[in-house]
PDB file of N, CA and C in Angstrom:
ATOM      1  N   MET A   1       0.848  -1.167   0.000  1.00  0.00           N
ATOM      2  CA  MET A   1       0.000   0.000   0.000  1.00  0.00           C
ATOM      3  C   MET A   1       0.897   1.234   0.000  1.00  0.00           C
ATOM      4  N   GLY A   2       0.544   2.214  -0.826  1.00  0.00           N
ATOM      5  CA  GLY A   2       1.330   3.425  -0.937  1.00  0.00           C
ATOM      6  C   GLY A   2       0.972   4.456   0.123  1.00  0.00           C
ATOM      7  N   ASP A   3       1.743   5.545   0.149  1.00  0.00           N
ATOM      8  CA  ASP A   3       1.517   6.615   1.121  1.00  0.00           C
ATOM      9  C   ASP A   3       0.126   7.221   0.989  1.00  0.00           C
ATOM     10  N   PHE A   4      -0.341   7.421  -0.253  1.00  0.00           N
ATOM     11  CA  PHE A   4      -1.659   8.019  -0.453  1.00  0.00           C
ATOM     12  C   PHE A   4      -2.750   7.138   0.141  1.00  0.00           C
ATOM     13  N   GLU A   5      -2.711   5.850  -0.156  1.00  0.00           N
ATOM     14  CA  GLU A   5      -3.720   4.937   0.356  1.00  0.00           C
ATOM     15  C   GLU A   5      -3.699   4.878   1.874  1.00  0.00           C
ATOM     16  N   THR A   6      -2.500   4.854   2.451  1.00  0.00           N
ATOM     17  CA  THR A   6      -2.374   4.834   3.910  1.00  0.00           C
ATOM     18  C   THR A   6      -2.959   6.103   4.516  1.00  0.00           C
ATOM     19  N   THR A   7      -2.639   7.248   3.905  1.00  0.00           N
ATOM     20  CA  THR A   7      -3.170   8.524   4.386  1.00  0.00           C
ATOM     21  C   THR A   7      -4.689   8.554   4.303  1.00  0.00           C
ATOM     22  N   MET A   8      -5.256   8.054   3.205  1.00  0.00           N
ATOM     23  CA  MET A   8      -6.707   8.045   3.042  1.00  0.00           C
ATOM     24  C   MET A   8      -7.375   7.130   4.069  1.00  0.00           C
ATOM     25  N   GLU A   9      -6.767   5.995   4.368  1.00  0.00           N
ATOM     26  CA  GLU A   9      -7.323   5.106   5.375  1.00  0.00           C
ATOM     27  C   GLU A   9      -7.334   5.780   6.742  1.00  0.00           C
ATOM     28  N   LEU A  10      -6.241   6.453   7.087  1.00  0.00           N
ATOM     29  CA  LEU A  10      -6.168   7.164   8.366  1.00  0.00           C
ATOM     30  C   LEU A  10      -7.178   8.308   8.415  1.00  0.00           C
ATOM     31  N   ALA A  11      -7.320   9.024   7.303  1.00  0.00           N
ATOM     32  CA  ALA A  11      -8.290  10.121   7.233  1.00  0.00           C
ATOM     33  C   ALA A  11      -9.710   9.587   7.389  1.00  0.00           C
ATOM     34  N   GLY A  12      -9.984   8.449   6.788  1.00  0.00           N
ATOM     35  CA  GLY A  12     -11.305   7.841   6.918  1.00  0.00           C
ATOM     36  C   GLY A  12     -11.619   7.480   8.355  1.00  0.00           C
ATOM     37  N   ALA A  13     -10.657   6.914   9.058  1.00  0.00           N
ATOM     38  CA  ALA A  13     -10.855   6.556  10.465  1.00  0.00           C
ATOM     39  C   ALA A  13     -11.101   7.799  11.308  1.00  0.00           C
ATOM     40  N   ALA A  14     -10.310   8.851  11.081  1.00  0.00           N
ATOM     41  CA  ALA A  14     -10.463  10.091  11.844  1.00  0.00           C
ATOM     42  C   ALA A  14     -11.802  10.757  11.557  1.00  0.00           C
ATOM     43  N   ALA A  15     -12.216  10.765  10.293  1.00  0.00           N
ATOM     44  CA  ALA A  15     -13.480  11.400   9.924  1.00  0.00           C
ATOM     45  C   ALA A  15     -14.663  10.698  10.574  1.00  0.00           C
ATOM     46  N   MET A  16     -14.666   9.391  10.564  1.00  0.00           N
ATOM     47  CA  MET A  16     -15.780   8.650  11.160  1.00  0.00           C
ATOM     48  C   MET A  16     -15.833   8.868  12.662  1.00  0.00           C
ATOM     49  N   ALA A  17     -14.681   9.044  13.291  1.00  0.00           N
ATOM     50  CA  ALA A  17     -14.644   9.296  14.731  1.00  0.00           C
ATOM     51  C   ALA A  17     -15.150  10.705  15.051  1.00  0.00           C
ATOM     52  N   ALA A  18     -14.891  11.666  14.176  1.00  0.00           N
ATOM     53  CA  ALA A  18     -15.224  13.061  14.453  1.00  0.00           C
ATOM     54  C   ALA A  18     -16.610  13.473  13.963  1.00  0.00           C
ATOM     55  N   LEU A  19     -17.093  12.849  12.906  1.00  0.00           N
ATOM     56  CA  LEU A  19     -18.371  13.257  12.319  1.00  0.00           C
ATOM     57  C   LEU A  19     -19.550  12.578  13.000  1.00  0.00           C
ATOM     58  N   ASP A  20     -20.703  13.103  12.770  1.00  0.00           N
ATOM     59  CA  ASP A  20     -21.933  12.610  13.370  1.00  0.00           C
ATOM     60  C   ASP A  20     -22.437  11.398  12.600  1.00  0.00           C
ATOM     61  N   THR A  21     -21.906  10.233  12.928  1.00  0.00           N
ATOM     62  CA  THR A  21     -22.264   9.026  12.189  1.00  0.00           C
ATOM     63  C   THR A  21     -23.486   8.346  12.797  1.00  0.00           C
ATOM     64  N   GLU A  22     -24.079   7.476  11.995  1.00  0.00           N
ATOM     65  CA  GLU A  22     -25.205   6.659  12.425  1.00  0.00           C
ATOM     66  C   GLU A  22     -24.862   5.208  12.131  1.00  0.00           C
ATOM     67  N   THR A  23     -25.444   4.309  12.879  1.00  0.00           N
ATOM     68  CA  THR A  23     -25.215   2.888  12.643  1.00  0.00           C
ATOM     69  C   THR A  23     -26.233   2.370  11.638  1.00  0.00           C
ATOM     70  N   VAL A  24     -25.737   1.699  10.605  1.00  0.00           N
ATOM     71  CA  VAL A  24     -26.577   1.046   9.603  1.00  0.00           C
ATOM     72  C   VAL A  24     -26.186  -0.421   9.566  1.00  0.00           C
ATOM     73  N   THR A  25     -27.002  -1.224   8.925  1.00  0.00           N
ATOM     74  CA  THR A  25     -26.685  -2.642   8.785  1.00  0.00           C
ATOM     75  C   THR A  25     -26.501  -2.960   7.308  1.00  0.00           C
ATOM     76  N   TYR A  26     -25.292  -3.385   6.970  1.00  0.00           N
ATOM     77  CA  TYR A  26     -24.955  -3.738   5.588  1.00  0.00           C
ATOM     78  C   TYR A  26     -25.030  -5.243   5.435  1.00  0.00           C
ATOM     79  N   THR A  27     -25.707  -5.690   4.377  1.00  0.00           N
ATOM     80  CA  THR A  27     -25.788  -7.121   4.077  1.00  0.00           C
ATOM     81  C   THR A  27     -25.374  -7.348   2.639  1.00  0.00           C
ATOM     82  N   PRO A  28     -24.190  -7.953   2.437  1.00  0.00           N
ATOM     83  CA  PRO A  28     -23.796  -8.282   1.066  1.00  0.00           C
ATOM     84  C   PRO A  28     -24.633  -9.464   0.556  1.00  0.00           C
ATOM     85  N   ARG A  29     -24.862  -9.493  -0.735  1.00  0.00           N
ATOM     86  CA  ARG A  29     -25.635 -10.592  -1.329  1.00  0.00           C
ATOM     87  C   ARG A  29     -24.988 -11.921  -0.943  1.00  0.00           C
ATOM     88  N   GLY A  30     -25.772 -12.786  -0.334  1.00  0.00           N
ATOM     89  CA  GLY A  30     -25.284 -14.097   0.056  1.00  0.00           C
ATOM     90  C   GLY A  30     -24.361 -14.083   1.264  1.00  0.00           C
ATOM     91  N   GLY A  31     -24.246 -12.940   1.939  1.00  0.00           N
ATOM     92  CA  GLY A  31     -23.350 -12.851   3.090  1.00  0.00           C
ATOM     93  C   GLY A  31     -24.102 -12.535   4.368  1.00  0.00           C
ATOM     94  N   SER A  32     -23.348 -12.336   5.421  1.00  0.00           N
ATOM     95  CA  SER A  32     -23.923 -12.048   6.731  1.00  0.00           C
ATOM     96  C   SER A  32     -24.047 -10.546   6.956  1.00  0.00           C
ATOM     97  N   ALA A  33     -25.125 -10.153   7.623  1.00  0.00           N
ATOM     98  CA  ALA A  33     -25.351  -8.745   7.963  1.00  0.00           C
ATOM     99  C   ALA A  33     -24.358  -8.314   9.036  1.00  0.00           C
ATOM    100  N   ARG A  34     -23.933  -7.025   8.939  1.00  0.00           N
ATOM    101  CA  ARG A  34     -23.064  -6.480   9.980  1.00  0.00           C
ATOM    102  C   ARG A  34     -23.314  -4.993  10.126  1.00  0.00           C
ATOM    103  N   ALA A  35     -23.202  -4.531  11.354  1.00  0.00           N
ATOM    104  CA  ALA A  35     -23.399  -3.121  11.653  1.00  0.00           C
ATOM    105  C   ALA A  35     -22.133  -2.341  11.322  1.00  0.00           C
ATOM    106  N   ILE A  36     -22.314  -1.191  10.659  1.00  0.00           N
ATOM    107  CA  ILE A  36     -21.200  -0.305  10.324  1.00  0.00           C
ATOM    108  C   ILE A  36     -21.629   1.141  10.575  1.00  0.00           C
ATOM    109  N   GLU A  37     -20.655   2.013  10.741  1.00  0.00           N
ATOM    110  CA  GLU A  37     -20.937   3.432  10.944  1.00  0.00           C
ATOM    111  C   GLU A  37     -21.002   4.134   9.588  1.00  0.00           C
ATOM    112  N   ALA A  38     -21.948   5.060   9.445  1.00  0.00           N
ATOM    113  CA  ALA A  38     -22.177   5.725   8.163  1.00  0.00           C
ATOM    114  C   ALA A  38     -22.550   7.187   8.360  1.00  0.00           C
ATOM    115  N   ILE A  39     -22.296   7.960   7.331  1.00  0.00           N
ATOM    116  CA  ILE A  39     -22.780   9.332   7.237  1.00  0.00           C
ATOM    117  C   ILE A  39     -23.893   9.301   6.201  1.00  0.00           C
ATOM    118  N   ILE A  40     -25.104   9.639   6.614  1.00  0.00           N
ATOM    119  CA  ILE A  40     -26.266   9.536   5.726  1.00  0.00           C
ATOM    120  C   ILE A  40     -26.703  10.928   5.283  1.00  0.00           C
ATOM    121  N   THR A  41     -26.818  11.119   3.973  1.00  0.00           N
ATOM    122  CA  THR A  41     -27.366  12.345   3.407  1.00  0.00           C
ATOM    123  C   THR A  41     -28.703  11.970   2.782  1.00  0.00           C
ATOM    124  N   ARG A  42     -29.770  12.424   3.412  1.00  0.00           N
ATOM    125  CA  ARG A  42     -31.110  12.081   2.941  1.00  0.00           C
ATOM    126  C   ARG A  42     -31.568  13.098   1.903  1.00  0.00           C
ATOM    127  N   ALA A  43     -32.261  12.604   0.869  1.00  0.00           N
ATOM    128  CA  ALA A  43     -32.792  13.481  -0.177  1.00  0.00           C
ATOM    129  C   ALA A  43     -34.050  14.171   0.329  1.00  0.00           C
ATOM    130  N   ALA A  44     -34.303  15.342  -0.219  1.00  0.00           N
ATOM    131  CA  ALA A  44     -35.541  16.054   0.101  1.00  0.00           C
ATOM    132  C   ALA A  44     -36.725  15.248  -0.413  1.00  0.00           C
ATOM    133  N   PRO A  45     -37.881  15.329   0.244  1.00  0.00           N
ATOM    134  CA  PRO A  45     -39.030  14.519  -0.163  1.00  0.00           C
ATOM    135  C   PRO A  45     -39.542  14.783  -1.569  1.00  0.00           C
ATOM    136  N   ASP A  46     -39.239  15.948  -2.141  1.00  0.00           N
ATOM    137  CA  ASP A  46     -39.795  16.284  -3.448  1.00  0.00           C
ATOM    138  C   ASP A  46     -38.825  16.058  -4.601  1.00  0.00           C
ATOM    139  N   VAL A  47     -37.790  15.263  -4.394  1.00  0.00           N
ATOM    140  CA  VAL A  47     -36.823  15.031  -5.464  1.00  0.00           C
ATOM    141  C   VAL A  47     -37.380  14.059  -6.493  1.00  0.00           C
ATOM    142  N   GLU A  48     -36.750  14.072  -7.655  1.00  0.00           N
ATOM    143  CA  GLU A  48     -37.182  13.180  -8.730  1.00  0.00           C
ATOM    144  C   GLU A  48     -36.978  11.721  -8.337  1.00  0.00           C
ATOM    145  N   ILE A  49     -37.764  10.853  -8.898  1.00  0.00           N
ATOM    146  CA  ILE A  49     -37.709   9.429  -8.575  1.00  0.00           C
ATOM    147  C   ILE A  49     -36.410   8.775  -9.042  1.00  0.00           C
ATOM    148  N   ASP A  50     -35.727   9.358 -10.040  1.00  0.00           N
ATOM    149  CA  ASP A  50     -34.522   8.743 -10.593  1.00  0.00           C
ATOM    150  C   ASP A  50     -33.262   8.978  -9.767  1.00  0.00           C
ATOM    151  N   VAL A  51     -33.353   9.741  -8.703  1.00  0.00           N
ATOM    152  CA  VAL A  51     -32.176   9.975  -7.867  1.00  0.00           C
ATOM    153  C   VAL A  51     -32.259   9.092  -6.628  1.00  0.00           C
ATOM    154  N   PRO A  52     -31.117   8.768  -6.025  1.00  0.00           N
ATOM    155  CA  PRO A  52     -31.165   7.957  -4.810  1.00  0.00           C
ATOM    156  C   PRO A  52     -31.956   8.651  -3.699  1.00  0.00           C
ATOM    157  N   VAL A  53     -32.607   7.858  -2.881  1.00  0.00           N
ATOM    158  CA  VAL A  53     -33.351   8.378  -1.738  1.00  0.00           C
ATOM    159  C   VAL A  53     -32.371   8.911  -0.699  1.00  0.00           C
ATOM    160  N   ALA A  54     -31.203   8.271  -0.621  1.00  0.00           N
ATOM    161  CA  ALA A  54     -30.171   8.718   0.304  1.00  0.00           C
ATOM    162  C   ALA A  54     -28.805   8.336  -0.247  1.00  0.00           C
ATOM    163  N   ARG A  55     -27.815   9.120   0.190  1.00  0.00           N
ATOM    164  CA  ARG A  55     -26.414   8.790  -0.085  1.00  0.00           C
ATOM    165  C   ARG A  55     -25.814   8.367   1.235  1.00  0.00           C
ATOM    166  N   ILE A  56     -25.186   7.197   1.234  1.00  0.00           N
ATOM    167  CA  ILE A  56     -24.616   6.659   2.459  1.00  0.00           C
ATOM    168  C   ILE A  56     -23.117   6.508   2.265  1.00  0.00           C
ATOM    169  N   LYS A  57     -22.365   7.236   3.093  1.00  0.00           N
ATOM    170  CA  LYS A  57     -20.908   7.228   3.016  1.00  0.00           C
ATOM    171  C   LYS A  57     -20.360   6.417   4.170  1.00  0.00           C
ATOM    172  N   VAL A  58     -19.520   5.430   3.829  1.00  0.00           N
ATOM    173  CA  VAL A  58     -18.912   4.555   4.828  1.00  0.00           C
ATOM    174  C   VAL A  58     -17.431   4.386   4.511  1.00  0.00           C
ATOM    175  N   ARG A  59     -16.719   3.777   5.426  1.00  0.00           N
ATOM    176  CA  ARG A  59     -15.314   3.474   5.179  1.00  0.00           C
ATOM    177  C   ARG A  59     -15.217   2.486   4.020  1.00  0.00           C
ATOM    178  N   ASN A  60     -14.234   2.673   3.160  1.00  0.00           N
ATOM    179  CA  ASN A  60     -13.970   1.729   2.070  1.00  0.00           C
ATOM    180  C   ASN A  60     -13.065   0.650   2.649  1.00  0.00           C
ATOM    181  N   ASP A  61     -13.703  -0.273   3.365  1.00  0.00           N
ATOM    182  CA  ASP A  61     -12.971  -1.283   4.124  1.00  0.00           C
ATOM    183  C   ASP A  61     -13.835  -2.529   4.229  1.00  0.00           C
ATOM    184  N   VAL A  62     -13.234  -3.671   4.046  1.00  0.00           N
ATOM    185  CA  VAL A  62     -13.974  -4.925   4.025  1.00  0.00           C
ATOM    186  C   VAL A  62     -14.598  -5.277   5.378  1.00  0.00           C
ATOM    187  N   THR A  63     -14.037  -4.805   6.491  1.00  0.00           N
ATOM    188  CA  THR A  63     -14.602  -5.127   7.798  1.00  0.00           C
ATOM    189  C   THR A  63     -15.261  -3.940   8.497  1.00  0.00           C
ATOM    190  N   LEU A  64     -14.730  -2.731   8.313  1.00  0.00           N
ATOM    191  CA  LEU A  64     -15.262  -1.561   9.007  1.00  0.00           C
ATOM    192  C   LEU A  64     -16.279  -0.783   8.184  1.00  0.00           C
ATOM    193  N   GLY A  65     -16.479  -1.176   6.954  1.00  0.00           N
ATOM    194  CA  GLY A  65     -17.398  -0.486   6.060  1.00  0.00           C
ATOM    195  C   GLY A  65     -17.807  -1.400   4.936  1.00  0.00           C
ATOM    196  N   ILE A  66     -17.686  -0.890   3.723  1.00  0.00           N
ATOM    197  CA  ILE A  66     -18.018  -1.655   2.516  1.00  0.00           C
ATOM    198  C   ILE A  66     -16.835  -1.568   1.573  1.00  0.00           C
ATOM    199  N   ASP A  67     -16.411  -2.703   1.052  1.00  0.00           N
ATOM    200  CA  ASP A  67     -15.339  -2.735   0.059  1.00  0.00           C
ATOM    201  C   ASP A  67     -15.952  -2.359  -1.291  1.00  0.00           C
ATOM    202  N   ALA A  68     -15.595  -1.184  -1.801  1.00  0.00           N
ATOM    203  CA  ALA A  68     -16.191  -0.668  -3.040  1.00  0.00           C
ATOM    204  C   ALA A  68     -16.036  -1.637  -4.206  1.00  0.00           C
ATOM    205  N   ALA A  69     -14.935  -2.360  -4.229  1.00  0.00           N
ATOM    206  CA  ALA A  69     -14.668  -3.271  -5.342  1.00  0.00           C
ATOM    207  C   ALA A  69     -15.614  -4.467  -5.375  1.00  0.00           C
ATOM    208  N   THR A  70     -16.299  -4.742  -4.271  1.00  0.00           N
ATOM    209  CA  THR A  70     -17.148  -5.931  -4.223  1.00  0.00           C
ATOM    210  C   THR A  70     -18.643  -5.623  -4.136  1.00  0.00           C
ATOM    211  N   VAL A  71     -19.019  -4.355  -4.252  1.00  0.00           N
ATOM    212  CA  VAL A  71     -20.445  -3.997  -4.159  1.00  0.00           C
ATOM    213  C   VAL A  71     -21.225  -4.652  -5.291  1.00  0.00           C
ATOM    214  N   ASP A  72     -22.339  -5.274  -4.928  1.00  0.00           N
ATOM    215  CA  ASP A  72     -23.248  -5.891  -5.892  1.00  0.00           C
ATOM    216  C   ASP A  72     -24.539  -5.074  -5.887  1.00  0.00           C
ATOM    217  N   THR A  73     -24.701  -4.215  -6.895  1.00  0.00           N
ATOM    218  CA  THR A  73     -25.884  -3.354  -6.930  1.00  0.00           C
ATOM    219  C   THR A  73     -27.161  -4.133  -7.228  1.00  0.00           C
ATOM    220  N   GLY A  74     -27.045  -5.397  -7.495  1.00  0.00           N
ATOM    221  CA  GLY A  74     -28.231  -6.216  -7.717  1.00  0.00           C
ATOM    222  C   GLY A  74     -28.670  -6.970  -6.484  1.00  0.00           C
ATOM    223  N   GLY A  75     -27.857  -6.940  -5.413  1.00  0.00           N
ATOM    224  CA  GLY A  75     -28.228  -7.759  -4.264  1.00  0.00           C
ATOM    225  C   GLY A  75     -27.811  -7.261  -2.902  1.00  0.00           C
ATOM    226  N   ASP A  76     -26.821  -6.374  -2.808  1.00  0.00           N
ATOM    227  CA  ASP A  76     -26.404  -5.852  -1.504  1.00  0.00           C
ATOM    228  C   ASP A  76     -27.467  -4.891  -0.981  1.00  0.00           C
ATOM    229  N   THR A  77     -27.698  -4.926   0.336  1.00  0.00           N
ATOM    230  CA  THR A  77     -28.692  -4.046   0.951  1.00  0.00           C
ATOM    231  C   THR A  77     -28.117  -3.331   2.172  1.00  0.00           C
ATOM    232  N   ILE A  78     -28.784  -2.251   2.541  1.00  0.00           N
ATOM    233  CA  ILE A  78     -28.453  -1.512   3.754  1.00  0.00           C
ATOM    234  C   ILE A  78     -29.764  -1.218   4.484  1.00  0.00           C
ATOM    235  N   ALA A  79     -29.799  -1.531   5.775  1.00  0.00           N
ATOM    236  CA  ALA A  79     -30.921  -1.138   6.627  1.00  0.00           C
ATOM    237  C   ALA A  79     -30.517   0.172   7.288  1.00  0.00           C
ATOM    238  N   TRP A  80     -31.321   1.214   7.073  1.00  0.00           N
ATOM    239  CA  TRP A  80     -30.985   2.563   7.522  1.00  0.00           C
ATOM    240  C   TRP A  80     -32.269   3.301   7.899  1.00  0.00           C
ATOM    241  N   PRO A  81     -32.164   4.331   8.745  1.00  0.00           N
ATOM    242  CA  PRO A  81     -33.363   5.078   9.136  1.00  0.00           C
ATOM    243  C   PRO A  81     -33.620   6.261   8.198  1.00  0.00           C
ATOM    244  N   PRO A  82     -34.727   6.273   7.463  1.00  0.00           N
ATOM    245  CA  PRO A  82     -35.032   7.416   6.603  1.00  0.00           C
ATOM    246  C   PRO A  82     -35.150   8.730   7.388  1.00  0.00           C
ATOM    247  N   LYS A  83     -35.546   8.637   8.646  1.00  0.00           N
ATOM    248  CA  LYS A  83     -35.569   9.804   9.526  1.00  0.00           C
ATOM    249  C   LYS A  83     -34.578   9.525  10.652  1.00  0.00           C
ATOM    250  N   ARG A  84     -33.677  10.454  10.898  1.00  0.00           N
ATOM    251  CA  ARG A  84     -32.657  10.254  11.919  1.00  0.00           C
ATOM    252  C   ARG A  84     -33.305   9.838  13.243  1.00  0.00           C
ATOM    253  N   GLY A  85     -32.844   8.710  13.773  1.00  0.00           N
ATOM    254  CA  GLY A  85     -33.371   8.204  15.026  1.00  0.00           C
ATOM    255  C   GLY A  85     -34.659   7.421  14.888  1.00  0.00           C
ATOM    256  N   GLY A  86     -35.173   7.305  13.663  1.00  0.00           N
ATOM    257  CA  GLY A  86     -36.438   6.615  13.441  1.00  0.00           C
ATOM    258  C   GLY A  86     -36.251   5.132  13.147  1.00  0.00           C
ATOM    259  N   SER A  87     -37.337   4.521  12.741  1.00  0.00           N
ATOM    260  CA  SER A  87     -37.315   3.107  12.368  1.00  0.00           C
ATOM    261  C   SER A  87     -36.494   2.916  11.103  1.00  0.00           C
ATOM    262  N   THR A  88     -35.901   1.737  10.972  1.00  0.00           N
ATOM    263  CA  THR A  88     -35.094   1.464   9.787  1.00  0.00           C
ATOM    264  C   THR A  88     -35.921   0.825   8.691  1.00  0.00           C
ATOM    265  N   ARG A  89     -35.420   0.971   7.493  1.00  0.00           N
ATOM    266  CA  ARG A  89     -35.976   0.265   6.346  1.00  0.00           C
ATOM    267  C   ARG A  89     -34.799  -0.322   5.588  1.00  0.00           C
ATOM    268  N   THR A  90     -35.023  -1.397   4.895  1.00  0.00           N
ATOM    269  CA  THR A  90     -33.966  -2.037   4.129  1.00  0.00           C
ATOM    270  C   THR A  90     -34.094  -1.633   2.672  1.00  0.00           C
ATOM    271  N   SER A  91     -32.976  -1.115   2.129  1.00  0.00           N
ATOM    272  CA  SER A  91     -32.956  -0.647   0.745  1.00  0.00           C
ATOM    273  C   SER A  91     -31.830  -1.330  -0.014  1.00  0.00           C
ATOM    274  N   ARG A  92     -32.060  -1.531  -1.285  1.00  0.00           N
ATOM    275  CA  ARG A  92     -31.031  -2.083  -2.155  1.00  0.00           C
ATOM    276  C   ARG A  92     -30.026  -0.988  -2.500  1.00  0.00           C
ATOM    277  N   ILE A  93     -28.755  -1.346  -2.522  1.00  0.00           N
ATOM    278  CA  ILE A  93     -27.745  -0.404  -3.003  1.00  0.00           C
ATOM    279  C   ILE A  93     -27.917  -0.307  -4.511  1.00  0.00           C
ATOM    280  N   SER A  94     -28.218   0.891  -4.989  1.00  0.00           N
ATOM    281  CA  SER A  94     -28.494   1.066  -6.410  1.00  0.00           C
ATOM    282  C   SER A  94     -27.294   1.569  -7.197  1.00  0.00           C
ATOM    283  N   ASP A  95     -26.392   2.287  -6.543  1.00  0.00           N
ATOM    284  CA  ASP A  95     -25.260   2.891  -7.248  1.00  0.00           C
ATOM    285  C   ASP A  95     -24.057   3.002  -6.319  1.00  0.00           C
ATOM    286  N   VAL A  96     -22.867   2.907  -6.909  1.00  0.00           N
ATOM    287  CA  VAL A  96     -21.656   3.344  -6.221  1.00  0.00           C
ATOM    288  C   VAL A  96     -21.395   4.740  -6.774  1.00  0.00           C
ATOM    289  N   LEU A  97     -21.609   5.759  -5.946  1.00  0.00           N
ATOM    290  CA  LEU A  97     -21.524   7.142  -6.394  1.00  0.00           C
ATOM    291  C   LEU A  97     -20.096   7.656  -6.431  1.00  0.00           C
ATOM    292  N   SER A  98     -19.286   7.214  -5.484  1.00  0.00           N
ATOM    293  CA  SER A  98     -17.874   7.589  -5.472  1.00  0.00           C
ATOM    294  C   SER A  98     -17.124   6.629  -4.572  1.00  0.00           C
ATOM    295  N   ALA A  99     -15.833   6.524  -4.827  1.00  0.00           N
ATOM    296  CA  ALA A  99     -14.990   5.662  -3.998  1.00  0.00           C
ATOM    297  C   ALA A  99     -13.547   6.113  -4.114  1.00  0.00           C
ATOM    298  N   ASP A 100     -12.864   6.090  -2.987  1.00  0.00           N
ATOM    299  CA  ASP A 100     -11.422   6.300  -2.963  1.00  0.00           C
ATOM    300  C   ASP A 100     -10.878   5.382  -1.870  1.00  0.00           C
ATOM    301  N   ALA A 101      -9.626   5.525  -1.518  1.00  0.00           N
ATOM    302  CA  ALA A 101      -9.032   4.620  -0.535  1.00  0.00           C
ATOM    303  C   ALA A 101      -9.647   4.773   0.851  1.00  0.00           C
ATOM    304  N   GLY A 102     -10.265   5.935   1.151  1.00  0.00           N
ATOM    305  CA  GLY A 102     -10.820   6.170   2.477  1.00  0.00           C
ATOM    306  C   GLY A 102     -12.296   5.866   2.613  1.00  0.00           C
ATOM    307  N   PHE A 103     -13.077   6.269   1.607  1.00  0.00           N
ATOM    308  CA  PHE A 103     -14.531   6.162   1.695  1.00  0.00           C
ATOM    309  C   PHE A 103     -15.140   5.601   0.423  1.00  0.00           C
ATOM    310  N   VAL A 104     -16.348   5.075   0.589  1.00  0.00           N
ATOM    311  CA  VAL A 104     -17.198   4.740  -0.543  1.00  0.00           C
ATOM    312  C   VAL A 104     -18.561   5.342  -0.237  1.00  0.00           C
ATOM    313  N   THR A 105     -19.159   5.974  -1.254  1.00  0.00           N
ATOM    314  CA  THR A 105     -20.505   6.523  -1.114  1.00  0.00           C
ATOM    315  C   THR A 105     -21.424   5.757  -2.043  1.00  0.00           C
ATOM    316  N   VAL A 106     -22.488   5.210  -1.461  1.00  0.00           N
ATOM    317  CA  VAL A 106     -23.449   4.440  -2.263  1.00  0.00           C
ATOM    318  C   VAL A 106     -24.794   5.137  -2.222  1.00  0.00           C
ATOM    319  N   GLY A 107     -25.565   4.932  -3.271  1.00  0.00           N
ATOM    320  CA  GLY A 107     -26.937   5.431  -3.319  1.00  0.00           C
ATOM    321  C   GLY A 107     -27.879   4.295  -3.005  1.00  0.00           C
ATOM    322  N   VAL A 108     -28.947   4.596  -2.250  1.00  0.00           N
ATOM    323  CA  VAL A 108     -29.980   3.603  -1.978  1.00  0.00           C
ATOM    324  C   VAL A 108     -31.315   4.159  -2.436  1.00  0.00           C
ATOM    325  N   ARG A 109     -32.190   3.251  -2.840  1.00  0.00           N
ATOM    326  CA  ARG A 109     -33.533   3.642  -3.304  1.00  0.00           C
ATOM    327  C   ARG A 109     -34.573   2.922  -2.482  1.00  0.00           C
TER     328      ARG A 109
END
């Protein structure tokens, strides 16, 4: 691993510790569910149907988040609260919106 990747991993750990994260449950297709920390950006209620309902940013890590390289947009799901502190709903990961060595941001519908 190069200096950039190491720096991004450290930055990801620091950001998750400092930011207002929420716990979500990630379930890879055919795998076991696990709780991970996430930053959730919820869409406004009047947005177009073609955009994700929420953007969920997690560590790009196989154990502490989601490994961007292995996301299956046809089967991976995330249980998350549409309203902060509210009941959760399970949504399919519809898109990988961005990914780098520190974070991956996925869209859910």
